[in-house]
Amino acid sequence: MIEMILIWIIAAYGMTNILVYGSIFENLRNSIHKTSETKVPIISPLFKFLSGLISCVMCTSTWVGFFMSLFFSPFTFYFGLHPIFGLFFDGMLASGFVWAINAIVEWFEENRG
C-alpha cells in the first residue's frame, strides 16, 4: 500500500516538475504567458488562469493530482472513498507532497556549497 502511494506521489512530482520547469514545455509556457497579456475578451482570462497555473508548483500539482486520480486514486482504492471525494483528496495529496518535495529540493539548491 505505502509503495503504491509513494510511486503515485513521485509520479505527481515528476509530472509537475516537467510542466513547470521542463524545457520540453518552455515554448508552450511562453506562448501561454504571451497570450494571457492580450486583450481578447474570452481567451485572455483563460490564458491568464493557465499562465498563473503553470507558474506555481502547488497549483499545478493540485491539477496533476486531479488528472492522475482519473487513472488511479489512492483514496478511492485504499480507503474506499467515493470517487468524487477521492478526486478532491488526491489533488490535495499531490499538492502537499509535491510542494514539500519541491521545498526540500529548492533548499538544497540554495544552500549548496
PDB file of N, CA and C in Angstrom:
ATOM      1  N   MET A   1       0.822  -1.188   0.000  1.00  0.00           N
ATOM      2  CA  MET A   1       0.000   0.000   0.000  1.00  0.00           C
ATOM      3  C   MET A   1       0.870   1.258   0.000  1.00  0.00           C
ATOM      4  N   ILE A   2       1.797   1.352   0.933  1.00  0.00           N
ATOM      5  CA  ILE A   2       2.660   2.526   1.032  1.00  0.00           C
ATOM      6  C   ILE A   2       3.482   2.698  -0.242  1.00  0.00           C
ATOM      7  N   GLU A   3       3.951   1.577  -0.800  1.00  0.00           N
ATOM      8  CA  GLU A   3       4.774   1.657  -2.009  1.00  0.00           C
ATOM      9  C   GLU A   3       4.003   2.283  -3.165  1.00  0.00           C
ATOM     10  N   MET A   4       2.735   1.888  -3.339  1.00  0.00           N
ATOM     11  CA  MET A   4       1.927   2.436  -4.436  1.00  0.00           C
ATOM     12  C   MET A   4       1.661   3.926  -4.238  1.00  0.00           C
ATOM     13  N   ILE A   5       1.413   4.321  -3.007  1.00  0.00           N
ATOM     14  CA  ILE A   5       1.176   5.741  -2.739  1.00  0.00           C
ATOM     15  C   ILE A   5       2.449   6.543  -2.987  1.00  0.00           C
ATOM     16  N   LEU A   6       3.600   6.018  -2.581  1.00  0.00           N
ATOM     17  CA  LEU A   6       4.872   6.708  -2.837  1.00  0.00           C
ATOM     18  C   LEU A   6       5.155   6.813  -4.334  1.00  0.00           C
ATOM     19  N   ILE A   7       4.889   5.760  -5.076  1.00  0.00           N
ATOM     20  CA  ILE A   7       5.078   5.809  -6.532  1.00  0.00           C
ATOM     21  C   ILE A   7       4.159   6.855  -7.138  1.00  0.00           C
ATOM     22  N   TRP A   8       2.917   6.908  -6.663  1.00  0.00           N
ATOM     23  CA  TRP A   8       1.943   7.890  -7.159  1.00  0.00           C
ATOM     24  C   TRP A   8       2.431   9.310  -6.867  1.00  0.00           C
ATOM     25  N   ILE A   9       2.955   9.533  -5.659  1.00  0.00           N
ATOM     26  CA  ILE A   9       3.450  10.857  -5.270  1.00  0.00           C
ATOM     27  C   ILE A   9       4.673  11.244  -6.103  1.00  0.00           C
ATOM     28  N   ILE A  10       5.578  10.309  -6.313  1.00  0.00           N
ATOM     29  CA  ILE A  10       6.774  10.598  -7.116  1.00  0.00           C
ATOM     30  C   ILE A  10       6.382  10.883  -8.566  1.00  0.00           C
ATOM     31  N   ALA A  11       5.409  10.151  -9.085  1.00  0.00           N
ATOM     32  CA  ALA A  11       4.929  10.420 -10.446  1.00  0.00           C
ATOM     33  C   ALA A  11       4.289  11.802 -10.532  1.00  0.00           C
ATOM     34  N   ALA A  12       3.531  12.193  -9.501  1.00  0.00           N
ATOM     35  CA  ALA A  12       2.929  13.529  -9.477  1.00  0.00           C
ATOM     36  C   ALA A  12       4.015  14.608  -9.433  1.00  0.00           C
ATOM     37  N   TYR A  13       5.066  14.363  -8.649  1.00  0.00           N
ATOM     38  CA  TYR A  13       6.174  15.320  -8.591  1.00  0.00           C
ATOM     39  C   TYR A  13       6.858  15.426  -9.955  1.00  0.00           C
ATOM     40  N   GLY A  14       7.095  14.298 -10.580  1.00  0.00           N
ATOM     41  CA  GLY A  14       7.748  14.308 -11.890  1.00  0.00           C
ATOM     42  C   GLY A  14       6.935  15.048 -12.933  1.00  0.00           C
ATOM     43  N   MET A  15       5.642  14.762 -12.986  1.00  0.00           N
ATOM     44  CA  MET A  15       4.788  15.425 -13.976  1.00  0.00           C
ATOM     45  C   MET A  15       4.718  16.928 -13.711  1.00  0.00           C
ATOM     46  N   THR A  16       4.598  17.307 -12.449  1.00  0.00           N
ATOM     47  CA  THR A  16       4.546  18.731 -12.103  1.00  0.00           C
ATOM     48  C   THR A  16       5.853  19.423 -12.444  1.00  0.00           C
ATOM     49  N   ASN A  17       6.953  18.795 -12.129  1.00  0.00           N
ATOM     50  CA  ASN A  17       8.264  19.373 -12.405  1.00  0.00           C
ATOM     51  C   ASN A  17       8.460  19.588 -13.900  1.00  0.00           C
ATOM     52  N   ILE A  18       8.036  18.628 -14.690  1.00  0.00           N
ATOM     53  CA  ILE A  18       8.164  18.763 -16.151  1.00  0.00           C
ATOM     54  C   ILE A  18       7.282  19.896 -16.663  1.00  0.00           C
ATOM     55  N   LEU A  19       6.056  19.988 -16.163  1.00  0.00           N
ATOM     56  CA  LEU A  19       5.144  21.034 -16.637  1.00  0.00           C
ATOM     57  C   LEU A  19       5.605  22.436 -16.239  1.00  0.00           C
ATOM     58  N   VAL A  20       6.138  22.583 -15.026  1.00  0.00           N
ATOM     59  CA  VAL A  20       6.507  23.920 -14.523  1.00  0.00           C
ATOM     60  C   VAL A  20       7.910  24.331 -14.959  1.00  0.00           C
ATOM     61  N   TYR A  21       8.868  23.384 -14.962  1.00  0.00           N
ATOM     62  CA  TYR A  21      10.260  23.739 -15.214  1.00  0.00           C
ATOM     63  C   TYR A  21      10.866  23.109 -16.468  1.00  0.00           C
ATOM     64  N   GLY A  22      10.246  22.095 -17.013  1.00  0.00           N
ATOM     65  CA  GLY A  22      10.853  21.336 -18.105  1.00  0.00           C
ATOM     66  C   GLY A  22      11.035  22.135 -19.383  1.00  0.00           C
ATOM     67  N   SER A  23      12.174  21.929 -20.024  1.00  0.00           N
ATOM     68  CA  SER A  23      12.457  22.654 -21.270  1.00  0.00           C
ATOM     69  C   SER A  23      11.559  22.176 -22.410  1.00  0.00           C
ATOM     70  N   ILE A  24      11.023  20.976 -22.301  1.00  0.00           N
ATOM     71  CA  ILE A  24      10.171  20.458 -23.365  1.00  0.00           C
ATOM     72  C   ILE A  24       8.889  21.291 -23.515  1.00  0.00           C
ATOM     73  N   PHE A  25       8.426  21.897 -22.419  1.00  0.00           N
ATOM     74  CA  PHE A  25       7.219  22.721 -22.465  1.00  0.00           C
ATOM     75  C   PHE A  25       7.515  24.218 -22.410  1.00  0.00           C
ATOM     76  N   GLU A  26       8.781  24.604 -22.563  1.00  0.00           N
ATOM     77  CA  GLU A  26       9.147  26.020 -22.446  1.00  0.00           C
ATOM     78  C   GLU A  26       8.441  26.889 -23.488  1.00  0.00           C
ATOM     79  N   ASN A  27       8.416  26.445 -24.735  1.00  0.00           N
ATOM     80  CA  ASN A  27       7.754  27.233 -25.779  1.00  0.00           C
ATOM     81  C   ASN A  27       6.257  27.344 -25.522  1.00  0.00           C
ATOM     82  N   LEU A  28       5.640  26.265 -25.073  1.00  0.00           N
ATOM     83  CA  LEU A  28       4.214  26.295 -24.761  1.00  0.00           C
ATOM     84  C   LEU A  28       3.942  27.255 -23.601  1.00  0.00           C
ATOM     85  N   ARG A  29       4.763  27.207 -22.551  1.00  0.00           N
ATOM     86  CA  ARG A  29       4.592  28.127 -21.425  1.00  0.00           C
ATOM     87  C   ARG A  29       4.748  29.574 -21.867  1.00  0.00           C
ATOM     88  N   ASN A  30       5.763  29.851 -22.697  1.00  0.00           N
ATOM     89  CA  ASN A  30       5.964  31.223 -23.193  1.00  0.00           C
ATOM     90  C   ASN A  30       4.772  31.690 -24.022  1.00  0.00           C
ATOM     91  N   SER A  31       4.231  30.817 -24.840  1.00  0.00           N
ATOM     92  CA  SER A  31       3.052  31.164 -25.647  1.00  0.00           C
ATOM     93  C   SER A  31       1.850  31.458 -24.764  1.00  0.00           C
ATOM     94  N   ILE A  32       1.664  30.660 -23.731  1.00  0.00           N
ATOM     95  CA  ILE A  32       0.546  30.886 -22.807  1.00  0.00           C
ATOM     96  C   ILE A  32       0.718  32.226 -22.100  1.00  0.00           C
ATOM     97  N   HIS A  33       1.941  32.546 -21.650  1.00  0.00           N
ATOM     98  CA  HIS A  33       2.190  33.818 -20.970  1.00  0.00           C
ATOM     99  C   HIS A  33       1.919  34.993 -21.922  1.00  0.00           C
ATOM    100  N   LYS A  34       2.351  34.881 -23.171  1.00  0.00           N
ATOM    101  CA  LYS A  34       2.132  35.963 -24.142  1.00  0.00           C
ATOM    102  C   LYS A  34       0.652  36.120 -24.461  1.00  0.00           C
ATOM    103  N   THR A  35      -0.054  35.014 -24.619  1.00  0.00           N
ATOM    104  CA  THR A  35      -1.478  35.072 -24.934  1.00  0.00           C
ATOM    105  C   THR A  35      -2.270  35.649 -23.772  1.00  0.00           C
ATOM    106  N   SER A  36      -1.815  35.423 -22.554  1.00  0.00           N
ATOM    107  CA  SER A  36      -2.526  35.960 -21.384  1.00  0.00           C
ATOM    108  C   SER A  36      -2.458  37.481 -21.325  1.00  0.00           C
ATOM    109  N   GLU A  37      -1.486  38.066 -21.998  1.00  0.00           N
ATOM    110  CA  GLU A  37      -1.326  39.514 -21.985  1.00  0.00           C
ATOM    111  C   GLU A  37      -2.164  40.215 -23.058  1.00  0.00           C
ATOM    112  N   THR A  38      -2.813  39.456 -23.934  1.00  0.00           N
ATOM    113  CA  THR A  38      -3.664  40.060 -24.957  1.00  0.00           C
ATOM    114  C   THR A  38      -4.949  40.558 -24.321  1.00  0.00           C
ATOM    115  N   LYS A  39      -5.706  41.307 -25.070  1.00  0.00           N
ATOM    116  CA  LYS A  39      -6.958  41.870 -24.555  1.00  0.00           C
ATOM    117  C   LYS A  39      -8.184  41.213 -25.199  1.00  0.00           C
ATOM    118  N   VAL A  40      -8.053  39.975 -25.658  1.00  0.00           N
ATOM    119  CA  VAL A  40      -9.177  39.262 -26.267  1.00  0.00           C
ATOM    120  C   VAL A  40     -10.130  38.852 -25.146  1.00  0.00           C
ATOM    121  N   PRO A  41     -11.418  39.217 -25.241  1.00  0.00           N
ATOM    122  CA  PRO A  41     -12.349  39.042 -24.115  1.00  0.00           C
ATOM    123  C   PRO A  41     -12.449  37.616 -23.544  1.00  0.00           C
ATOM    124  N   ILE A  42     -12.619  36.608 -24.341  1.00  0.00           N
ATOM    125  CA  ILE A  42     -12.835  35.258 -23.809  1.00  0.00           C
ATOM    126  C   ILE A  42     -11.514  34.524 -23.598  1.00  0.00           C
ATOM    127  N   ILE A  43     -10.577  34.700 -24.491  1.00  0.00           N
ATOM    128  CA  ILE A  43      -9.326  33.941 -24.458  1.00  0.00           C
ATOM    129  C   ILE A  43      -8.381  34.445 -23.373  1.00  0.00           C
ATOM    130  N   SER A  44      -8.296  35.734 -23.196  1.00  0.00           N
ATOM    131  CA  SER A  44      -7.340  36.311 -22.254  1.00  0.00           C
ATOM    132  C   SER A  44      -7.535  35.825 -20.814  1.00  0.00           C
ATOM    133  N   PRO A  45      -8.763  35.817 -20.277  1.00  0.00           N
ATOM    134  CA  PRO A  45      -8.924  35.321 -18.902  1.00  0.00           C
ATOM    135  C   PRO A  45      -8.538  33.841 -18.739  1.00  0.00           C
ATOM    136  N   LEU A  46      -8.855  33.026 -19.730  1.00  0.00           N
ATOM    137  CA  LEU A  46      -8.494  31.608 -19.671  1.00  0.00           C
ATOM    138  C   LEU A  46      -6.982  31.439 -19.655  1.00  0.00           C
ATOM    139  N   PHE A  47      -6.298  32.156 -20.542  1.00  0.00           N
ATOM    140  CA  PHE A  47      -4.844  32.039 -20.606  1.00  0.00           C
ATOM    141  C   PHE A  47      -4.165  32.711 -19.412  1.00  0.00           C
ATOM    142  N   LYS A  48      -4.811  33.710 -18.820  1.00  0.00           N
ATOM    143  CA  LYS A  48      -4.270  34.311 -17.588  1.00  0.00           C
ATOM    144  C   LYS A  48      -4.310  33.270 -16.462  1.00  0.00           C
ATOM    145  N   PHE A  49      -5.410  32.505 -16.380  1.00  0.00           N
ATOM    146  CA  PHE A  49      -5.516  31.426 -15.400  1.00  0.00           C
ATOM    147  C   PHE A  49      -4.444  30.375 -15.653  1.00  0.00           C
ATOM    148  N   LEU A  50      -4.295  29.942 -16.897  1.00  0.00           N
ATOM    149  CA  LEU A  50      -3.292  28.932 -17.242  1.00  0.00           C
ATOM    150  C   LEU A  50      -1.883  29.432 -16.985  1.00  0.00           C
ATOM    151  N   SER A  51      -1.637  30.715 -17.246  1.00  0.00           N
ATOM    152  CA  SER A  51      -0.321  31.302 -17.016  1.00  0.00           C
ATOM    153  C   SER A  51       0.035  31.252 -15.529  1.00  0.00           C
ATOM    154  N   GLY A  52      -0.922  31.589 -14.686  1.00  0.00           N
ATOM    155  CA  GLY A  52      -0.684  31.504 -13.250  1.00  0.00           C
ATOM    156  C   GLY A  52      -0.516  30.065 -12.793  1.00  0.00           C
ATOM    157  N   LEU A  53      -1.283  29.170 -13.397  1.00  0.00           N
ATOM    158  CA  LEU A  53      -1.237  27.760 -13.027  1.00  0.00           C
ATOM    159  C   LEU A  53       0.125  27.148 -13.305  1.00  0.00           C
ATOM    160  N   ILE A  54       0.668  27.387 -14.491  1.00  0.00           N
ATOM    161  CA  ILE A  54       1.936  26.753 -14.854  1.00  0.00           C
ATOM    162  C   ILE A  54       3.144  27.468 -14.263  1.00  0.00           C
ATOM    163  N   SER A  55       2.905  28.535 -13.505  1.00  0.00           N
ATOM    164  CA  SER A  55       3.992  29.238 -12.831  1.00  0.00           C
ATOM    165  C   SER A  55       4.102  28.828 -11.366  1.00  0.00           C
ATOM    166  N   CYS A  56       3.169  28.032 -10.896  1.00  0.00           N
ATOM    167  CA  CYS A  56       3.067  27.709  -9.474  1.00  0.00           C
ATOM    168  C   CYS A  56       3.103  26.194  -9.284  1.00  0.00           C
ATOM    169  N   VAL A  57       4.094  25.714  -8.548  1.00  0.00           N
ATOM    170  CA  VAL A  57       4.237  24.272  -8.314  1.00  0.00           C
ATOM    171  C   VAL A  57       3.039  23.734  -7.541  1.00  0.00           C
ATOM    172  N   MET A  58       2.589  24.458  -6.538  1.00  0.00           N
ATOM    173  CA  MET A  58       1.476  23.983  -5.728  1.00  0.00           C
ATOM    174  C   MET A  58       0.183  23.936  -6.547  1.00  0.00           C
ATOM    175  N   CYS A  59      -0.042  24.938  -7.385  1.00  0.00           N
ATOM    176  CA  CYS A  59      -1.254  24.975  -8.212  1.00  0.00           C
ATOM    177  C   CYS A  59      -1.240  23.861  -9.250  1.00  0.00           C
ATOM    178  N   THR A  60      -0.130  23.736  -9.949  1.00  0.00           N
ATOM    179  CA  THR A  60      -0.024  22.715 -10.991  1.00  0.00           C
ATOM    180  C   THR A  60      -0.150  21.321 -10.406  1.00  0.00           C
ATOM    181  N   SER A  61       0.465  21.080  -9.256  1.00  0.00           N
ATOM    182  CA  SER A  61       0.410  19.741  -8.670  1.00  0.00           C
ATOM    183  C   SER A  61      -0.996  19.371  -8.214  1.00  0.00           C
ATOM    184  N   THR A  62      -1.799  20.355  -7.839  1.00  0.00           N
ATOM    185  CA  THR A  62      -3.188  20.061  -7.487  1.00  0.00           C
ATOM    186  C   THR A  62      -3.925  19.508  -8.694  1.00  0.00           C
ATOM    187  N   TRP A  63      -3.762  20.170  -9.831  1.00  0.00           N
ATOM    188  CA  TRP A  63      -4.431  19.712 -11.052  1.00  0.00           C
ATOM    189  C   TRP A  63      -3.822  18.417 -11.575  1.00  0.00           C
ATOM    190  N   VAL A  64      -2.537  18.230 -11.377  1.00  0.00           N
ATOM    191  CA  VAL A  64      -1.902  16.961 -11.734  1.00  0.00           C
ATOM    192  C   VAL A  64      -2.508  15.839 -10.893  1.00  0.00           C
ATOM    193  N   GLY A  65      -2.728  16.098  -9.605  1.00  0.00           N
ATOM    194  CA  GLY A  65      -3.363  15.110  -8.734  1.00  0.00           C
ATOM    195  C   GLY A  65      -4.771  14.778  -9.187  1.00  0.00           C
ATOM    196  N   PHE A  66      -5.534  15.806  -9.591  1.00  0.00           N
ATOM    197  CA  PHE A  66      -6.872  15.552 -10.132  1.00  0.00           C
ATOM    198  C   PHE A  66      -6.782  14.664 -11.372  1.00  0.00           C
ATOM    199  N   PHE A  67      -5.854  14.995 -12.283  1.00  0.00           N
ATOM    200  CA  PHE A  67      -5.692  14.238 -13.523  1.00  0.00           C
ATOM    201  C   PHE A  67      -5.272  12.796 -13.239  1.00  0.00           C
ATOM    202  N   MET A  68      -4.283  12.614 -12.375  1.00  0.00           N
ATOM    203  CA  MET A  68      -3.804  11.264 -12.078  1.00  0.00           C
ATOM    204  C   MET A  68      -4.874  10.433 -11.376  1.00  0.00           C
ATOM    205  N   SER A  69      -5.763  11.086 -10.651  1.00  0.00           N
ATOM    206  CA  SER A  69      -6.845  10.399  -9.958  1.00  0.00           C
ATOM    207  C   SER A  69      -7.813   9.742 -10.933  1.00  0.00           C
ATOM    208  N   LEU A  70      -7.860  10.244 -12.147  1.00  0.00           N
ATOM    209  CA  LEU A  70      -8.733   9.629 -13.153  1.00  0.00           C
ATOM    210  C   LEU A  70      -8.257   8.231 -13.524  1.00  0.00           C
ATOM    211  N   PHE A  71      -6.972   7.965 -13.367  1.00  0.00           N
ATOM    212  CA  PHE A  71      -6.395   6.668 -13.714  1.00  0.00           C
ATOM    213  C   PHE A  71      -6.201   5.766 -12.498  1.00  0.00           C
ATOM    214  N   PHE A  72      -5.783   6.351 -11.384  1.00  0.00           N
ATOM    215  CA  PHE A  72      -5.633   5.599 -10.143  1.00  0.00           C
ATOM    216  C   PHE A  72      -5.779   6.561  -8.979  1.00  0.00           C
ATOM    217  N   SER A  73      -6.714   6.264  -8.105  1.00  0.00           N
ATOM    218  CA  SER A  73      -6.976   7.117  -6.956  1.00  0.00           C
ATOM    219  C   SER A  73      -6.613   6.396  -5.669  1.00  0.00           C
ATOM    220  N   PRO A  74      -5.534   6.821  -5.006  1.00  0.00           N
ATOM    221  CA  PRO A  74      -5.175   6.180  -3.738  1.00  0.00           C
ATOM    222  C   PRO A  74      -6.294   6.240  -2.695  1.00  0.00           C
ATOM    223  N   PHE A  75      -6.981   7.366  -2.609  1.00  0.00           N
ATOM    224  CA  PHE A  75      -8.031   7.496  -1.602  1.00  0.00           C
ATOM    225  C   PHE A  75      -9.232   6.607  -1.914  1.00  0.00           C
ATOM    226  N   THR A  76      -9.562   6.443  -3.179  1.00  0.00           N
ATOM    227  CA  THR A  76     -10.667   5.565  -3.539  1.00  0.00           C
ATOM    228  C   THR A  76     -10.262   4.103  -3.408  1.00  0.00           C
ATOM    229  N   PHE A  77      -9.077   3.769  -3.876  1.00  0.00           N
ATOM    230  CA  PHE A  77      -8.629   2.382  -3.885  1.00  0.00           C
ATOM    231  C   PHE A  77      -8.340   1.850  -2.490  1.00  0.00           C
ATOM    232  N   TYR A  78      -7.592   2.603  -1.698  1.00  0.00           N
ATOM    233  CA  TYR A  78      -7.168   2.114  -0.383  1.00  0.00           C
ATOM    234  C   TYR A  78      -8.132   2.431   0.748  1.00  0.00           C
ATOM    235  N   PHE A  79      -8.828   3.557   0.652  1.00  0.00           N
ATOM    236  CA  PHE A  79      -9.677   3.972   1.762  1.00  0.00           C
ATOM    237  C   PHE A  79     -11.165   3.885   1.448  1.00  0.00           C
ATOM    238  N   GLY A  80     -11.507   3.503   0.223  1.00  0.00           N
ATOM    239  CA  GLY A  80     -12.895   3.282  -0.150  1.00  0.00           C
ATOM    240  C   GLY A  80     -13.747   4.528  -0.244  1.00  0.00           C
ATOM    241  N   LEU A  81     -13.119   5.679  -0.452  1.00  0.00           N
ATOM    242  CA  LEU A  81     -13.907   6.908  -0.606  1.00  0.00           C
ATOM    243  C   LEU A  81     -14.656   6.899  -1.922  1.00  0.00           C
ATOM    244  N   HIS A  82     -15.748   7.624  -1.959  1.00  0.00           N
ATOM    245  CA  HIS A  82     -16.485   7.829  -3.211  1.00  0.00           C
ATOM    246  C   HIS A  82     -15.533   8.502  -4.205  1.00  0.00           C
ATOM    247  N   PRO A  83     -15.591   8.137  -5.485  1.00  0.00           N
ATOM    248  CA  PRO A  83     -14.641   8.692  -6.465  1.00  0.00           C
ATOM    249  C   PRO A  83     -14.573  10.222  -6.514  1.00  0.00           C
ATOM    250  N   ILE A  84     -15.684  10.906  -6.282  1.00  0.00           N
ATOM    251  CA  ILE A  84     -15.651  12.377  -6.289  1.00  0.00           C
ATOM    252  C   ILE A  84     -14.799  12.899  -5.130  1.00  0.00           C
ATOM    253  N   PHE A  85     -14.980  12.310  -3.942  1.00  0.00           N
ATOM    254  CA  PHE A  85     -14.169  12.717  -2.798  1.00  0.00           C
ATOM    255  C   PHE A  85     -12.716  12.289  -2.986  1.00  0.00           C
ATOM    256  N   GLY A  86     -12.533  11.098  -3.571  1.00  0.00           N
ATOM    257  CA  GLY A  86     -11.183  10.628  -3.856  1.00  0.00           C
ATOM    258  C   GLY A  86     -10.452  11.576  -4.792  1.00  0.00           C
ATOM    259  N   LEU A  87     -11.154  12.064  -5.807  1.00  0.00           N
ATOM    260  CA  LEU A  87     -10.573  13.018  -6.755  1.00  0.00           C
ATOM    261  C   LEU A  87     -10.086  14.262  -6.024  1.00  0.00           C
ATOM    262  N   PHE A  88     -10.930  14.796  -5.146  1.00  0.00           N
ATOM    263  CA  PHE A  88     -10.566  16.001  -4.391  1.00  0.00           C
ATOM    264  C   PHE A  88      -9.351  15.755  -3.506  1.00  0.00           C
ATOM    265  N   PHE A  89      -9.401  14.686  -2.720  1.00  0.00           N
ATOM    266  CA  PHE A  89      -8.301  14.421  -1.787  1.00  0.00           C
ATOM    267  C   PHE A  89      -7.019  14.011  -2.495  1.00  0.00           C
ATOM    268  N   ASP A  90      -7.119  13.394  -3.670  1.00  0.00           N
ATOM    269  CA  ASP A  90      -5.922  13.090  -4.451  1.00  0.00           C
ATOM    270  C   ASP A  90      -5.230  14.371  -4.907  1.00  0.00           C
ATOM    271  N   GLY A  91      -6.016  15.367  -5.295  1.00  0.00           N
ATOM    272  CA  GLY A  91      -5.438  16.662  -5.657  1.00  0.00           C
ATOM    273  C   GLY A  91      -4.725  17.302  -4.485  1.00  0.00           C
ATOM    274  N   MET A  92      -5.321  17.196  -3.303  1.00  0.00           N
ATOM    275  CA  MET A  92      -4.703  17.764  -2.106  1.00  0.00           C
ATOM    276  C   MET A  92      -3.447  16.980  -1.709  1.00  0.00           C
ATOM    277  N   LEU A  93      -3.510  15.656  -1.832  1.00  0.00           N
ATOM    278  CA  LEU A  93      -2.347  14.809  -1.537  1.00  0.00           C
ATOM    279  C   LEU A  93      -1.179  15.174  -2.454  1.00  0.00           C
ATOM    280  N   ALA A  94      -1.458  15.284  -3.736  1.00  0.00           N
ATOM    281  CA  ALA A  94      -0.406  15.637  -4.695  1.00  0.00           C
ATOM    282  C   ALA A  94       0.151  17.024  -4.393  1.00  0.00           C
ATOM    283  N   SER A  95      -0.716  17.977  -4.141  1.00  0.00           N
ATOM    284  CA  SER A  95      -0.269  19.339  -3.882  1.00  0.00           C
ATOM    285  C   SER A  95       0.641  19.414  -2.658  1.00  0.00           C
ATOM    286  N   GLY A  96       0.229  18.783  -1.588  1.00  0.00           N
ATOM    287  CA  GLY A  96       1.020  18.842  -0.357  1.00  0.00           C
ATOM    288  C   GLY A  96       2.375  18.175  -0.487  1.00  0.00           C
ATOM    289  N   PHE A  97       2.394  16.969  -1.021  1.00  0.00           N
ATOM    290  CA  PHE A  97       3.665  16.256  -1.114  1.00  0.00           C
ATOM    291  C   PHE A  97       4.586  16.847  -2.170  1.00  0.00           C
ATOM    292  N   VAL A  98       4.030  17.269  -3.308  1.00  0.00           N
ATOM    293  CA  VAL A  98       4.877  17.879  -4.340  1.00  0.00           C
ATOM    294  C   VAL A  98       5.449  19.191  -3.826  1.00  0.00           C
ATOM    295  N   TRP A  99       4.651  19.974  -3.118  1.00  0.00           N
ATOM    296  CA  TRP A  99       5.167  21.223  -2.554  1.00  0.00           C
ATOM    297  C   TRP A  99       6.297  20.928  -1.567  1.00  0.00           C
ATOM    298  N   ALA A 100       6.113  19.922  -0.713  1.00  0.00           N
ATOM    299  CA  ALA A 100       7.142  19.583   0.282  1.00  0.00           C
ATOM    300  C   ALA A 100       8.428  19.112  -0.391  1.00  0.00           C
ATOM    301  N   ILE A 101       8.304  18.250  -1.379  1.00  0.00           N
ATOM    302  CA  ILE A 101       9.493  17.764  -2.094  1.00  0.00           C
ATOM    303  C   ILE A 101      10.187  18.926  -2.792  1.00  0.00           C
ATOM    304  N   ASN A 102       9.402  19.788  -3.433  1.00  0.00           N
ATOM    305  CA  ASN A 102       9.974  20.932  -4.139  1.00  0.00           C
ATOM    306  C   ASN A 102      10.656  21.894  -3.164  1.00  0.00           C
ATOM    307  N   ALA A 103      10.086  22.099  -1.980  1.00  0.00           N
ATOM    308  CA  ALA A 103      10.703  22.973  -0.979  1.00  0.00           C
ATOM    309  C   ALA A 103      12.050  22.412  -0.528  1.00  0.00           C
ATOM    310  N   ILE A 104      12.124  21.111  -0.346  1.00  0.00           N
ATOM    311  CA  ILE A 104      13.389  20.479   0.046  1.00  0.00           C
ATOM    312  C   ILE A 104      14.427  20.624  -1.061  1.00  0.00           C
ATOM    313  N   VAL A 105      14.017  20.378  -2.298  1.00  0.00           N
ATOM    314  CA  VAL A 105      14.936  20.499  -3.442  1.00  0.00           C
ATOM    315  C   VAL A 105      15.440  21.934  -3.558  1.00  0.00           C
ATOM    316  N   GLU A 106      14.532  22.906  -3.441  1.00  0.00           N
ATOM    317  CA  GLU A 106      14.954  24.315  -3.530  1.00  0.00           C
ATOM    318  C   GLU A 106      15.890  24.691  -2.387  1.00  0.00           C
ATOM    319  N   TRP A 107      15.658  24.161  -1.184  1.00  0.00           N
ATOM    320  CA  TRP A 107      16.536  24.449  -0.065  1.00  0.00           C
ATOM    321  C   TRP A 107      17.950  23.953  -0.359  1.00  0.00           C
ATOM    322  N   PHE A 108      18.053  22.729  -0.888  1.00  0.00           N
ATOM    323  CA  PHE A 108      19.369  22.197  -1.226  1.00  0.00           C
ATOM    324  C   PHE A 108      20.019  22.993  -2.354  1.00  0.00           C
ATOM    325  N   GLU A 109      19.240  23.472  -3.329  1.00  0.00           N
ATOM    326  CA  GLU A 109      19.796  24.269  -4.413  1.00  0.00           C
ATOM    327  C   GLU A 109      20.340  25.595  -3.900  1.00  0.00           C
ATOM    328  N   GLU A 110      19.677  26.207  -2.942  1.00  0.00           N
ATOM    329  CA  GLU A 110      20.127  27.487  -2.396  1.00  0.00           C
ATOM    330  C   GLU A 110      21.331  27.334  -1.471  1.00  0.00           C
ATOM    331  N   ASN A 111      21.436  26.211  -0.792  1.00  0.00           N
ATOM    332  CA  ASN A 111      22.461  26.046   0.240  1.00  0.00           C
ATOM    333  C   ASN A 111      23.631  25.158  -0.153  1.00  0.00           C
ATOM    334  N   ARG A 112      23.754  24.862  -1.408  1.00  0.00           N
ATOM    335  CA  ARG A 112      24.918  24.050  -1.787  1.00  0.00           C
ATOM    336  C   ARG A 112      26.134  24.951  -1.914  1.00  0.00           C
ATOM    337  N   GLY A 113      27.200  24.436  -1.544  1.00  0.00           N
ATOM    338  CA  GLY A 113      28.430  25.000  -1.434  1.00  0.00           C
ATOM    339  C   GLY A 113      29.047  26.125  -1.981  1.00  0.00           C
TER     340      GLY A 113
END
